[in-house]
Amino acid sequence: RNDMASWLVQSGCLYFIAWGTDCEAWHDTV
């Protein structure tokens, strides 16, 4: 999740919507 959050932020993600398994953890990680 940490690696994916870094990839998302570095590639320009400016709005992140999490749904599904551990979605709150995904949100917090970003």
ModelCIF file with pLDDT and N, C-alpha, C, O atoms, coordinates in Angstrom:
data_MODEL
#
_entry.id   MODEL 
#
_entity.id                         1 
_entity.type                       polymer 
_entity.pdbx_number_of_molecules   1 
#
_entity_poly.entity_id                      1 
_entity_poly.type                           'polypeptide(L)' 
_entity_poly.nstd_linkage                   no 
_entity_poly.nstd_monomer                   no 
_entity_poly.pdbx_seq_one_letter_code       RNDMASWLVQSGCLYFIAWGTDCEAWHDTV 
_entity_poly.pdbx_seq_one_letter_code_can   RNDMASWLVQSGCLYFIAWGTDCEAWHDTV 
_entity_poly.pdbx_strand_id                 A 
#
loop_
_entity_poly_seq.entity_id 
_entity_poly_seq.num 
_entity_poly_seq.mon_id 
_entity_poly_seq.hetero 
1 1  ARG n 
1 2  ASN n 
1 3  ASP n 
1 4  MET n 
1 5  ALA n 
1 6  SER n 
1 7  TRP n 
1 8  LEU n 
1 9  VAL n 
1 10 GLN n 
1 11 SER n 
1 12 GLY n 
1 13 CYS n 
1 14 LEU n 
1 15 TYR n 
1 16 PHE n 
1 17 ILE n 
1 18 ALA n 
1 19 TRP n 
1 20 GLY n 
1 21 THR n 
1 22 ASP n 
1 23 CYS n 
1 24 GLU n 
1 25 ALA n 
1 26 TRP n 
1 27 HIS n 
1 28 ASP n 
1 29 THR n 
1 30 VAL n 
#
_struct_asym.id          A 
_struct_asym.entity_id   1 
#
loop_
_ma_qa_metric.id 
_ma_qa_metric.mode 
_ma_qa_metric.name 
_ma_qa_metric.software_group_id 
_ma_qa_metric.type 
1 global pLDDT . pLDDT 
2 local  pLDDT . pLDDT 
#
_ma_qa_metric_global.metric_id      1 
_ma_qa_metric_global.metric_value   97.77 
_ma_qa_metric_global.model_id       1 
_ma_qa_metric_global.ordinal_id     1 
#
loop_
_ma_qa_metric_local.label_asym_id 
_ma_qa_metric_local.label_comp_id 
_ma_qa_metric_local.label_seq_id 
_ma_qa_metric_local.metric_id 
_ma_qa_metric_local.metric_value 
_ma_qa_metric_local.model_id 
_ma_qa_metric_local.ordinal_id 
A ARG 1  2 98.00 1 1  
A ASN 2  2 98.00 1 2  
A ASP 3  2 97.00 1 3  
A MET 4  2 98.00 1 4  
A ALA 5  2 98.00 1 5  
A SER 6  2 98.00 1 6  
A TRP 7  2 98.00 1 7  
A LEU 8  2 98.00 1 8  
A VAL 9  2 98.00 1 9  
A GLN 10 2 97.00 1 10 
A SER 11 2 97.00 1 11 
A GLY 12 2 98.00 1 12 
A CYS 13 2 98.00 1 13 
A LEU 14 2 98.00 1 14 
A TYR 15 2 98.00 1 15 
A PHE 16 2 98.00 1 16 
A ILE 17 2 98.00 1 17 
A ALA 18 2 98.00 1 18 
A TRP 19 2 98.00 1 19 
A GLY 20 2 98.00 1 20 
A THR 21 2 97.00 1 21 
A ASP 22 2 97.00 1 22 
A CYS 23 2 97.00 1 23 
A GLU 24 2 97.00 1 24 
A ALA 25 2 98.00 1 25 
A TRP 26 2 98.00 1 26 
A HIS 27 2 98.00 1 27 
A ASP 28 2 98.00 1 28 
A THR 29 2 98.00 1 29 
A VAL 30 2 98.00 1 30 
#
loop_
_atom_site.group_PDB 
_atom_site.id 
_atom_site.type_symbol 
_atom_site.label_atom_id 
_atom_site.label_alt_id 
_atom_site.label_comp_id 
_atom_site.label_asym_id 
_atom_site.label_entity_id 
_atom_site.label_seq_id 
_atom_site.pdbx_PDB_ins_code 
_atom_site.Cartn_x 
_atom_site.Cartn_y 
_atom_site.Cartn_z 
_atom_site.occupancy 
_atom_site.B_iso_or_equiv 
_atom_site.pdbx_formal_charge 
_atom_site.auth_seq_id 
_atom_site.auth_comp_id 
_atom_site.auth_asym_id 
_atom_site.auth_atom_id 
_atom_site.pdbx_PDB_model_num 
ATOM 1   N N  . ARG A 1 1  ? 0.841   -1.205 0.000   1.00 98.00 ? 1  ARG A N  1 
ATOM 2   C CA . ARG A 1 1  ? 0.000   0.000  0.000   1.00 98.00 ? 1  ARG A CA 1 
ATOM 3   C C  . ARG A 1 1  ? 0.876   1.255  0.000   1.00 98.00 ? 1  ARG A C  1 
ATOM 4   O O  . ARG A 1 1  ? 0.581   2.226  -0.698  1.00 98.00 ? 1  ARG A O  1 
ATOM 5   N N  . ASN A 1 2  ? 1.960   1.227  0.792   1.00 98.00 ? 2  ASN A N  1 
ATOM 6   C CA . ASN A 1 2  ? 2.881   2.361  0.809   1.00 98.00 ? 2  ASN A CA 1 
ATOM 7   C C  . ASN A 1 2  ? 3.475   2.606  -0.572  1.00 98.00 ? 2  ASN A C  1 
ATOM 8   O O  . ASN A 1 2  ? 3.525   3.743  -1.042  1.00 98.00 ? 2  ASN A O  1 
ATOM 9   N N  . ASP A 1 3  ? 3.921   1.540  -1.215  1.00 97.00 ? 3  ASP A N  1 
ATOM 10  C CA . ASP A 1 3  ? 4.500   1.666  -2.560  1.00 97.00 ? 3  ASP A CA 1 
ATOM 11  C C  . ASP A 1 3  ? 3.474   2.206  -3.557  1.00 97.00 ? 3  ASP A C  1 
ATOM 12  O O  . ASP A 1 3  ? 3.788   3.064  -4.382  1.00 97.00 ? 3  ASP A O  1 
ATOM 13  N N  . MET A 1 4  ? 2.254   1.697  -3.471  1.00 98.00 ? 4  MET A N  1 
ATOM 14  C CA . MET A 1 4  ? 1.203   2.147  -4.380  1.00 98.00 ? 4  MET A CA 1 
ATOM 15  C C  . MET A 1 4  ? 0.833   3.607  -4.130  1.00 98.00 ? 4  MET A C  1 
ATOM 16  O O  . MET A 1 4  ? 0.608   4.361  -5.076  1.00 98.00 ? 4  MET A O  1 
ATOM 17  N N  . ALA A 1 5  ? 0.769   4.002  -2.877  1.00 98.00 ? 5  ALA A N  1 
ATOM 18  C CA . ALA A 1 5  ? 0.451   5.399  -2.564  1.00 98.00 ? 5  ALA A CA 1 
ATOM 19  C C  . ALA A 1 5  ? 1.543   6.320  -3.111  1.00 98.00 ? 5  ALA A C  1 
ATOM 20  O O  . ALA A 1 5  ? 1.239   7.385  -3.649  1.00 98.00 ? 5  ALA A O  1 
ATOM 21  N N  . SER A 1 6  ? 2.787   5.927  -2.982  1.00 98.00 ? 6  SER A N  1 
ATOM 22  C CA . SER A 1 6  ? 3.884   6.724  -3.548  1.00 98.00 ? 6  SER A CA 1 
ATOM 23  C C  . SER A 1 6  ? 3.751   6.828  -5.057  1.00 98.00 ? 6  SER A C  1 
ATOM 24  O O  . SER A 1 6  ? 3.934   7.906  -5.621  1.00 98.00 ? 6  SER A O  1 
ATOM 25  N N  . TRP A 1 7  ? 3.434   5.721  -5.717  1.00 98.00 ? 7  TRP A N  1 
ATOM 26  C CA . TRP A 1 7  ? 3.236   5.721  -7.172  1.00 98.00 ? 7  TRP A CA 1 
ATOM 27  C C  . TRP A 1 7  ? 2.097   6.659  -7.555  1.00 98.00 ? 7  TRP A C  1 
ATOM 28  O O  . TRP A 1 7  ? 2.228   7.442  -8.495  1.00 98.00 ? 7  TRP A O  1 
ATOM 29  N N  . LEU A 1 8  ? 0.990   6.585  -6.839  1.00 98.00 ? 8  LEU A N  1 
ATOM 30  C CA . LEU A 1 8  ? -0.149  7.443  -7.139  1.00 98.00 ? 8  LEU A CA 1 
ATOM 31  C C  . LEU A 1 8  ? 0.215   8.920  -7.002  1.00 98.00 ? 8  LEU A C  1 
ATOM 32  O O  . LEU A 1 8  ? -0.041  9.714  -7.907  1.00 98.00 ? 8  LEU A O  1 
ATOM 33  N N  . VAL A 1 9  ? 0.809   9.279  -5.877  1.00 98.00 ? 9  VAL A N  1 
ATOM 34  C CA . VAL A 1 9  ? 1.135   10.682 -5.617  1.00 98.00 ? 9  VAL A CA 1 
ATOM 35  C C  . VAL A 1 9  ? 2.192   11.179 -6.609  1.00 98.00 ? 9  VAL A C  1 
ATOM 36  O O  . VAL A 1 9  ? 2.060   12.278 -7.150  1.00 98.00 ? 9  VAL A O  1 
ATOM 37  N N  . GLN A 1 10 ? 3.221   10.393 -6.850  1.00 97.00 ? 10 GLN A N  1 
ATOM 38  C CA . GLN A 1 10 ? 4.285   10.811 -7.766  1.00 97.00 ? 10 GLN A CA 1 
ATOM 39  C C  . GLN A 1 10 ? 3.800   10.929 -9.206  1.00 97.00 ? 10 GLN A C  1 
ATOM 40  O O  . GLN A 1 10 ? 4.342   11.721 -9.977  1.00 97.00 ? 10 GLN A O  1 
ATOM 41  N N  . SER A 1 11 ? 2.791   10.155 -9.574  1.00 97.00 ? 11 SER A N  1 
ATOM 42  C CA . SER A 1 11 ? 2.295   10.210 -10.961 1.00 97.00 ? 11 SER A CA 1 
ATOM 43  C C  . SER A 1 11 ? 1.230   11.294 -11.145 1.00 97.00 ? 11 SER A C  1 
ATOM 44  O O  . SER A 1 11 ? 0.739   11.486 -12.257 1.00 97.00 ? 11 SER A O  1 
ATOM 45  N N  . GLY A 1 12 ? 0.866   12.004 -10.074 1.00 98.00 ? 12 GLY A N  1 
ATOM 46  C CA . GLY A 1 12 ? -0.011  13.156 -10.220 1.00 98.00 ? 12 GLY A CA 1 
ATOM 47  C C  . GLY A 1 12 ? -1.411  13.024 -9.670  1.00 98.00 ? 12 GLY A C  1 
ATOM 48  O O  . GLY A 1 12 ? -2.238  13.905 -9.900  1.00 98.00 ? 12 GLY A O  1 
ATOM 49  N N  . CYS A 1 13 ? -1.710  11.952 -8.949  1.00 98.00 ? 13 CYS A N  1 
ATOM 50  C CA . CYS A 1 13 ? -3.044  11.802 -8.369  1.00 98.00 ? 13 CYS A CA 1 
ATOM 51  C C  . CYS A 1 13 ? -3.310  12.955 -7.404  1.00 98.00 ? 13 CYS A C  1 
ATOM 52  O O  . CYS A 1 13 ? -2.545  13.183 -6.466  1.00 98.00 ? 13 CYS A O  1 
ATOM 53  N N  . LEU A 1 14 ? -4.407  13.679 -7.647  1.00 98.00 ? 14 LEU A N  1 
ATOM 54  C CA . LEU A 1 14 ? -4.782  14.796 -6.784  1.00 98.00 ? 14 LEU A CA 1 
ATOM 55  C C  . LEU A 1 14 ? -6.126  14.581 -6.103  1.00 98.00 ? 14 LEU A C  1 
ATOM 56  O O  . LEU A 1 14 ? -6.548  15.393 -5.279  1.00 98.00 ? 14 LEU A O  1 
ATOM 57  N N  . TYR A 1 15 ? -6.793  13.493 -6.446  1.00 98.00 ? 15 TYR A N  1 
ATOM 58  C CA . TYR A 1 15 ? -8.026  13.119 -5.741  1.00 98.00 ? 15 TYR A CA 1 
ATOM 59  C C  . TYR A 1 15 ? -8.049  11.603 -5.710  1.00 98.00 ? 15 TYR A C  1 
ATOM 60  O O  . TYR A 1 15 ? -8.028  10.956 -6.757  1.00 98.00 ? 15 TYR A O  1 
ATOM 61  N N  . PHE A 1 16 ? -8.093  11.031 -4.510  1.00 98.00 ? 16 PHE A N  1 
ATOM 62  C CA . PHE A 1 16 ? -8.032  9.586  -4.338  1.00 98.00 ? 16 PHE A CA 1 
ATOM 63  C C  . PHE A 1 16 ? -9.308  9.097  -3.674  1.00 98.00 ? 16 PHE A C  1 
ATOM 64  O O  . PHE A 1 16 ? -9.659  9.542  -2.582  1.00 98.00 ? 16 PHE A O  1 
ATOM 65  N N  . ILE A 1 17 ? -9.997  8.181  -4.336  1.00 98.00 ? 17 ILE A N  1 
ATOM 66  C CA . ILE A 1 17 ? -11.254 7.605  -3.858  1.00 98.00 ? 17 ILE A CA 1 
ATOM 67  C C  . ILE A 1 17 ? -10.997 6.121  -3.607  1.00 98.00 ? 17 ILE A C  1 
ATOM 68  O O  . ILE A 1 17 ? -10.628 5.389  -4.526  1.00 98.00 ? 17 ILE A O  1 
ATOM 69  N N  . ALA A 1 18 ? -11.189 5.682  -2.379  1.00 98.00 ? 18 ALA A N  1 
ATOM 70  C CA . ALA A 1 18 ? -10.939 4.282  -2.032  1.00 98.00 ? 18 ALA A CA 1 
ATOM 71  C C  . ALA A 1 18 ? -12.251 3.564  -1.791  1.00 98.00 ? 18 ALA A C  1 
ATOM 72  O O  . ALA A 1 18 ? -13.141 4.074  -1.110  1.00 98.00 ? 18 ALA A O  1 
ATOM 73  N N  . TRP A 1 19 ? -12.359 2.365  -2.364  1.00 98.00 ? 19 TRP A N  1 
ATOM 74  C CA . TRP A 1 19 ? -13.536 1.525  -2.176  1.00 98.00 ? 19 TRP A CA 1 
ATOM 75  C C  . TRP A 1 19 ? -13.074 0.079  -2.068  1.00 98.00 ? 19 TRP A C  1 
ATOM 76  O O  . TRP A 1 19 ? -12.153 -0.339 -2.770  1.00 98.00 ? 19 TRP A O  1 
ATOM 77  N N  . GLY A 1 20 ? -13.711 -0.680 -1.190  1.00 98.00 ? 20 GLY A N  1 
ATOM 78  C CA . GLY A 1 20 ? -13.445 -2.118 -1.105  1.00 98.00 ? 20 GLY A CA 1 
ATOM 79  C C  . GLY A 1 20 ? -12.626 -2.489 0.116   1.00 98.00 ? 20 GLY A C  1 
ATOM 80  O O  . GLY A 1 20 ? -12.670 -1.811 1.143   1.00 98.00 ? 20 GLY A O  1 
ATOM 81  N N  . THR A 1 21 ? -11.888 -3.558 -0.008  1.00 97.00 ? 21 THR A N  1 
ATOM 82  C CA . THR A 1 21 ? -11.106 -4.131 1.080   1.00 97.00 ? 21 THR A CA 1 
ATOM 83  C C  . THR A 1 21 ? -10.109 -3.114 1.630   1.00 97.00 ? 21 THR A C  1 
ATOM 84  O O  . THR A 1 21 ? -9.304  -2.551 0.888   1.00 97.00 ? 21 THR A O  1 
ATOM 85  N N  . ASP A 1 22 ? -10.175 -2.891 2.926   1.00 97.00 ? 22 ASP A N  1 
ATOM 86  C CA . ASP A 1 22 ? -9.250  -1.984 3.623   1.00 97.00 ? 22 ASP A CA 1 
ATOM 87  C C  . ASP A 1 22 ? -9.247  -0.576 3.030   1.00 97.00 ? 22 ASP A C  1 
ATOM 88  O O  . ASP A 1 22 ? -8.208  0.084  2.992   1.00 97.00 ? 22 ASP A O  1 
ATOM 89  N N  . CYS A 1 23 ? -10.417 -0.117 2.565   1.00 97.00 ? 23 CYS A N  1 
ATOM 90  C CA . CYS A 1 23 ? -10.433 1.194  1.903   1.00 97.00 ? 23 CYS A CA 1 
ATOM 91  C C  . CYS A 1 23 ? -10.018 2.326  2.838   1.00 97.00 ? 23 CYS A C  1 
ATOM 92  O O  . CYS A 1 23 ? -9.416  3.300  2.387   1.00 97.00 ? 23 CYS A O  1 
ATOM 93  N N  . GLU A 1 24 ? -10.325 2.220  4.119   1.00 97.00 ? 24 GLU A N  1 
ATOM 94  C CA . GLU A 1 24 ? -9.883  3.276  5.040   1.00 97.00 ? 24 GLU A CA 1 
ATOM 95  C C  . GLU A 1 24 ? -8.361  3.263  5.180   1.00 97.00 ? 24 GLU A C  1 
ATOM 96  O O  . GLU A 1 24 ? -7.741  4.322  5.281   1.00 97.00 ? 24 GLU A O  1 
ATOM 97  N N  . ALA A 1 25 ? -7.759  2.085  5.187   1.00 98.00 ? 25 ALA A N  1 
ATOM 98  C CA . ALA A 1 25 ? -6.296  1.986  5.255   1.00 98.00 ? 25 ALA A CA 1 
ATOM 99  C C  . ALA A 1 25 ? -5.661  2.567  3.992   1.00 98.00 ? 25 ALA A C  1 
ATOM 100 O O  . ALA A 1 25 ? -4.632  3.238  4.068   1.00 98.00 ? 25 ALA A O  1 
ATOM 101 N N  . TRP A 1 26 ? -6.269  2.313  2.837   1.00 98.00 ? 26 TRP A N  1 
ATOM 102 C CA . TRP A 1 26 ? -5.767  2.916  1.587   1.00 98.00 ? 26 TRP A CA 1 
ATOM 103 C C  . TRP A 1 26 ? -5.818  4.436  1.691   1.00 98.00 ? 26 TRP A C  1 
ATOM 104 O O  . TRP A 1 26 ? -4.846  5.121  1.372   1.00 98.00 ? 26 TRP A O  1 
ATOM 105 N N  . HIS A 1 27 ? -6.953  4.955  2.137   1.00 98.00 ? 27 HIS A N  1 
ATOM 106 C CA . HIS A 1 27 ? -7.144  6.391  2.303   1.00 98.00 ? 27 HIS A CA 1 
ATOM 107 C C  . HIS A 1 27 ? -6.061  6.977  3.215   1.00 98.00 ? 27 HIS A C  1 
ATOM 108 O O  . HIS A 1 27 ? -5.413  7.964  2.865   1.00 98.00 ? 27 HIS A O  1 
ATOM 109 N N  . ASP A 1 28 ? -5.872  6.364  4.377   1.00 98.00 ? 28 ASP A N  1 
ATOM 110 C CA . ASP A 1 28 ? -4.892  6.856  5.332   1.00 98.00 ? 28 ASP A CA 1 
ATOM 111 C C  . ASP A 1 28 ? -3.470  6.793  4.771   1.00 98.00 ? 28 ASP A C  1 
ATOM 112 O O  . ASP A 1 28 ? -2.664  7.690  5.019   1.00 98.00 ? 28 ASP A O  1 
ATOM 113 N N  . THR A 1 29 ? -3.168  5.753  4.029   1.00 98.00 ? 29 THR A N  1 
ATOM 114 C CA . THR A 1 29 ? -1.834  5.595  3.463   1.00 98.00 ? 29 THR A CA 1 
ATOM 115 C C  . THR A 1 29 ? -1.529  6.706  2.465   1.00 98.00 ? 29 THR A C  1 
ATOM 116 O O  . THR A 1 29 ? -0.426  7.252  2.459   1.00 98.00 ? 29 THR A O  1 
ATOM 117 N N  . VAL A 1 30 ? -2.494  7.041  1.627   1.00 98.00 ? 30 VAL A N  1 
ATOM 118 C CA . VAL A 1 30 ? -2.281  8.150  0.685   1.00 98.00 ? 30 VAL A CA 1 
ATOM 119 C C  . VAL A 1 30 ? -2.094  9.452  1.460   1.00 98.00 ? 30 VAL A C  1 
ATOM 120 O O  . VAL A 1 30 ? -1.901  10.507 0.856   1.00 98.00 ? 30 VAL A O  1 
#
